[in-house]
Amino acid sequence: MYVTGVGVEQDDTEAAQWIRLAADQGHTLARHNLGRRTGPSYNAPMTSILEGSGAGGLRVLSLFMGAFLVSMAFGKLGWFTDSSVLVAELRGWWGSAPALSRWYIDTVAMPGAPLFARLVLFGELASGAALVAGFRVHLAAGVALLMVLNFHFASGVMFQWGYLTNGFGLPVVGGLAALALGARRLPFSILRAY
């Protein structure tokens, strides 16, 4: 209210006092706004939670990427008890994959398929849920990025021109990379203890 001057005269000093009080009581948005302050004192002008920063946009991105990963995991629920589905997919990729991807499939992916089938399912569910909740976004996005790149490498799709226009390619990789590298203390997130 005092930050924007809606309904009252704008007063940065009064706004800072109220936000500080709320932050001291553990209010997440108040903590965020307090951290976004400009200047060292509590009387410095306040900035909006979304104004002038990418935090709000990254939070929206983490929600959508999390929902995407959870949705992908639901399509793999059968992998938990039957890794032959993953093995069949790997065999299908092998025929059209470049030599480096074939080597990877033969030496890493196929021998580890029983373990990887379960890890992928758990990894997509856990990282997706963490991204939706805003919990440990750096870690969740990093894990998800490694899984996605692993699939793209094994399938050989990342070595094709169409990768640049594939909706599962650069948009997913770019979104996860942005979250892994840039998401810190996003609004509307579950915060870990500091």
Protein backbone atom coordinates (compact mmCIF):
# COMPACT_ATOMS: atom_id res chain seq x y z
CA MET A 1 0.00 0.00 0.00
CA TYR A 2 2.61 2.53 1.08
CA VAL A 3 5.07 1.21 -1.53
CA THR A 4 2.81 2.04 -4.47
CA GLY A 5 0.70 4.79 -2.92
CA VAL A 6 -2.58 3.02 -3.61
CA GLY A 7 -5.23 4.33 -1.21
CA VAL A 8 -2.65 6.32 0.77
CA GLU A 9 0.13 8.74 0.02
CA GLN A 10 3.27 6.89 -1.11
CA ASP A 11 5.72 6.74 1.78
CA ASP A 12 8.88 4.65 1.41
CA THR A 13 9.79 5.00 5.07
CA GLU A 14 6.39 3.76 6.26
CA ALA A 15 6.46 0.98 3.64
CA ALA A 16 9.89 -0.15 4.81
CA GLN A 17 8.71 -0.32 8.43
CA TRP A 18 5.67 -2.46 7.58
CA ILE A 19 7.62 -4.72 5.25
CA ARG A 20 10.36 -5.16 7.87
CA LEU A 21 7.72 -6.09 10.46
CA ALA A 22 6.18 -8.69 8.12
CA ALA A 23 9.62 -10.06 7.18
CA ASP A 24 10.53 -10.44 10.86
CA GLN A 25 7.40 -12.57 11.26
CA GLY A 26 8.50 -14.85 8.41
CA HIS A 27 6.30 -13.55 5.57
CA THR A 28 7.93 -14.81 2.35
CA LEU A 29 6.95 -11.92 0.06
CA ALA A 30 8.06 -9.38 2.64
CA ARG A 31 11.44 -11.11 2.93
CA HIS A 32 11.73 -11.01 -0.83
CA ASN A 33 10.86 -7.31 -1.02
CA LEU A 34 13.27 -6.56 1.80
CA GLY A 35 16.02 -8.35 -0.12
CA ARG A 36 15.21 -6.35 -3.28
CA ARG A 37 15.67 -3.02 -1.57
CA THR A 38 17.93 -0.45 -3.11
CA GLY A 39 20.36 0.98 -0.60
CA PRO A 40 21.65 -0.20 2.74
CA SER A 41 19.04 1.34 5.05
CA TYR A 42 15.44 0.41 5.69
CA ASN A 43 14.42 3.87 4.53
CA ALA A 44 15.61 3.31 0.97
CA PRO A 45 12.96 3.24 -1.80
CA MET A 46 11.24 -0.12 -2.26
CA THR A 47 10.88 -1.97 -5.54
CA SER A 48 7.99 -4.18 -6.45
CA ILE A 49 8.38 -7.94 -6.25
CA LEU A 50 8.27 -8.26 -10.04
CA GLU A 51 9.38 -4.81 -11.17
CA GLY A 52 12.80 -4.54 -12.75
CA SER A 53 13.83 -8.13 -12.22
CA GLY A 54 13.47 -11.47 -13.85
CA ALA A 55 12.53 -13.18 -10.57
CA GLY A 56 8.82 -13.23 -11.35
CA GLY A 57 9.43 -14.50 -14.87
CA LEU A 58 11.78 -17.21 -13.62
CA ARG A 59 9.19 -18.27 -11.06
CA VAL A 60 6.56 -18.62 -13.79
CA LEU A 61 9.09 -20.55 -15.87
CA SER A 62 9.79 -22.91 -12.95
CA LEU A 63 6.05 -23.58 -12.58
CA PHE A 64 5.66 -24.45 -16.26
CA MET A 65 8.85 -26.51 -16.47
CA GLY A 66 7.84 -28.36 -13.30
CA ALA A 67 4.40 -29.14 -14.72
CA PHE A 68 6.06 -30.32 -17.94
CA LEU A 69 8.41 -32.68 -16.09
CA VAL A 70 5.67 -34.12 -13.88
CA SER A 71 3.53 -34.70 -16.99
CA MET A 72 6.43 -36.45 -18.72
CA ALA A 73 6.95 -38.62 -15.64
CA PHE A 74 3.32 -39.74 -15.62
CA GLY A 75 3.89 -41.12 -19.11
CA LYS A 76 6.74 -43.23 -17.71
CA LEU A 77 5.04 -44.74 -14.64
CA GLY A 78 5.30 -48.19 -16.21
CA TRP A 79 9.09 -47.85 -16.30
CA PHE A 80 9.24 -48.40 -12.56
CA THR A 81 8.33 -52.07 -12.90
CA ASP A 82 9.28 -52.71 -16.53
CA SER A 83 12.49 -51.28 -17.98
CA SER A 84 11.86 -53.04 -21.32
CA VAL A 85 9.96 -49.94 -22.45
CA LEU A 86 13.13 -47.86 -22.11
CA VAL A 87 15.19 -50.61 -23.76
CA ALA A 88 12.80 -50.64 -26.74
CA GLU A 89 13.07 -46.86 -27.04
CA LEU A 90 16.88 -47.03 -26.94
CA ARG A 91 16.88 -49.72 -29.64
CA GLY A 92 14.65 -47.54 -31.79
CA TRP A 93 17.03 -44.60 -31.44
CA TRP A 94 20.08 -46.75 -32.18
CA GLY A 95 19.13 -47.25 -35.83
CA SER A 96 19.13 -43.57 -36.75
CA ALA A 97 21.57 -42.20 -34.16
CA PRO A 98 25.06 -40.94 -35.03
CA ALA A 99 28.07 -43.07 -34.08
CA LEU A 100 28.73 -41.24 -30.81
CA SER A 101 25.14 -41.76 -29.65
CA ARG A 102 25.28 -45.43 -30.66
CA TRP A 103 28.42 -45.88 -28.58
CA TYR A 104 26.68 -44.23 -25.63
CA ILE A 105 23.60 -46.43 -26.02
CA ASP A 106 25.72 -49.61 -26.26
CA THR A 107 28.13 -48.88 -23.41
CA VAL A 108 26.14 -46.79 -20.93
CA ALA A 109 22.39 -46.64 -21.56
CA MET A 110 21.53 -50.27 -22.41
CA PRO A 111 23.57 -51.89 -19.62
CA GLY A 112 22.15 -49.40 -17.13
CA ALA A 113 18.56 -49.43 -18.43
CA PRO A 114 17.04 -51.24 -15.43
CA LEU A 115 18.46 -48.59 -13.09
CA PHE A 116 17.99 -45.62 -15.44
CA ALA A 117 14.30 -46.45 -16.04
CA ARG A 118 13.62 -45.97 -12.34
CA LEU A 119 15.96 -43.00 -11.92
CA VAL A 120 14.38 -41.11 -14.82
CA LEU A 121 10.89 -41.62 -13.43
CA PHE A 122 11.93 -40.56 -9.93
CA GLY A 123 14.08 -37.70 -11.26
CA GLU A 124 11.32 -36.24 -13.40
CA LEU A 125 8.75 -36.49 -10.60
CA ALA A 126 11.05 -35.07 -7.92
CA SER A 127 12.58 -32.29 -9.98
CA GLY A 128 9.18 -31.38 -11.45
CA ALA A 129 7.56 -31.19 -8.02
CA ALA A 130 10.49 -29.14 -6.67
CA LEU A 131 10.22 -26.68 -9.56
CA VAL A 132 6.47 -26.29 -9.05
CA ALA A 133 6.97 -25.72 -5.32
CA GLY A 134 9.98 -23.47 -5.86
CA PHE A 135 12.14 -25.66 -3.64
CA ARG A 136 15.86 -25.84 -4.42
CA VAL A 137 15.21 -24.60 -7.94
CA HIS A 138 18.91 -24.54 -8.91
CA LEU A 139 19.38 -28.19 -8.01
CA ALA A 140 16.06 -29.39 -9.44
CA ALA A 141 16.61 -27.57 -12.74
CA GLY A 142 20.21 -28.82 -12.95
CA VAL A 143 19.16 -32.43 -12.43
CA ALA A 144 16.35 -32.08 -14.97
CA LEU A 145 18.70 -30.44 -17.47
CA LEU A 146 21.16 -33.35 -17.20
CA MET A 147 18.34 -35.86 -17.73
CA VAL A 148 16.99 -34.01 -20.75
CA LEU A 149 20.44 -33.62 -22.32
CA ASN A 150 21.08 -37.31 -21.69
CA PHE A 151 17.94 -38.23 -23.65
CA HIS A 152 18.74 -35.77 -26.43
CA PHE A 153 22.27 -37.12 -26.73
CA ALA A 154 21.23 -40.78 -26.68
CA SER A 155 18.50 -40.26 -29.26
CA GLY A 156 20.89 -38.28 -31.46
CA VAL A 157 18.28 -35.54 -31.87
CA MET A 158 20.70 -32.86 -30.64
CA PHE A 159 22.91 -33.54 -33.65
CA GLN A 160 20.15 -32.79 -36.16
CA TRP A 161 19.16 -29.45 -37.66
CA GLY A 162 15.56 -30.01 -36.55
CA TYR A 163 16.70 -29.78 -32.93
CA LEU A 164 16.65 -26.02 -33.30
CA THR A 165 12.92 -26.05 -34.05
CA ASN A 166 11.85 -29.00 -31.87
CA GLY A 167 9.67 -27.88 -28.95
CA PHE A 168 11.31 -30.45 -26.69
CA GLY A 169 14.77 -29.22 -27.69
CA LEU A 170 16.06 -25.73 -27.17
CA PRO A 171 13.02 -24.34 -25.31
CA VAL A 172 13.28 -27.05 -22.64
CA VAL A 173 17.07 -26.95 -22.47
CA GLY A 174 17.10 -23.14 -22.40
CA GLY A 175 14.39 -22.92 -19.76
CA LEU A 176 16.08 -25.43 -17.48
CA ALA A 177 19.48 -23.79 -17.98
CA ALA A 178 18.00 -20.38 -17.09
CA LEU A 179 16.55 -21.83 -13.89
CA ALA A 180 19.71 -23.73 -13.02
CA LEU A 181 21.88 -20.65 -13.49
CA GLY A 182 19.65 -17.75 -12.49
CA ALA A 183 16.93 -18.75 -10.06
CA ARG A 184 17.62 -17.40 -6.59
CA ARG A 185 14.99 -16.74 -3.96
CA LEU A 186 12.10 -16.63 -6.38
CA PRO A 187 8.75 -15.18 -5.27
CA PHE A 188 5.96 -17.53 -4.20
CA SER A 189 8.45 -20.33 -3.46
CA ILE A 190 9.10 -22.61 -0.55
CA LEU A 191 12.21 -21.15 1.00
CA ARG A 192 14.85 -23.19 2.78
CA ALA A 193 16.18 -21.99 6.13
CA TYR A 194 19.00 -19.46 5.84
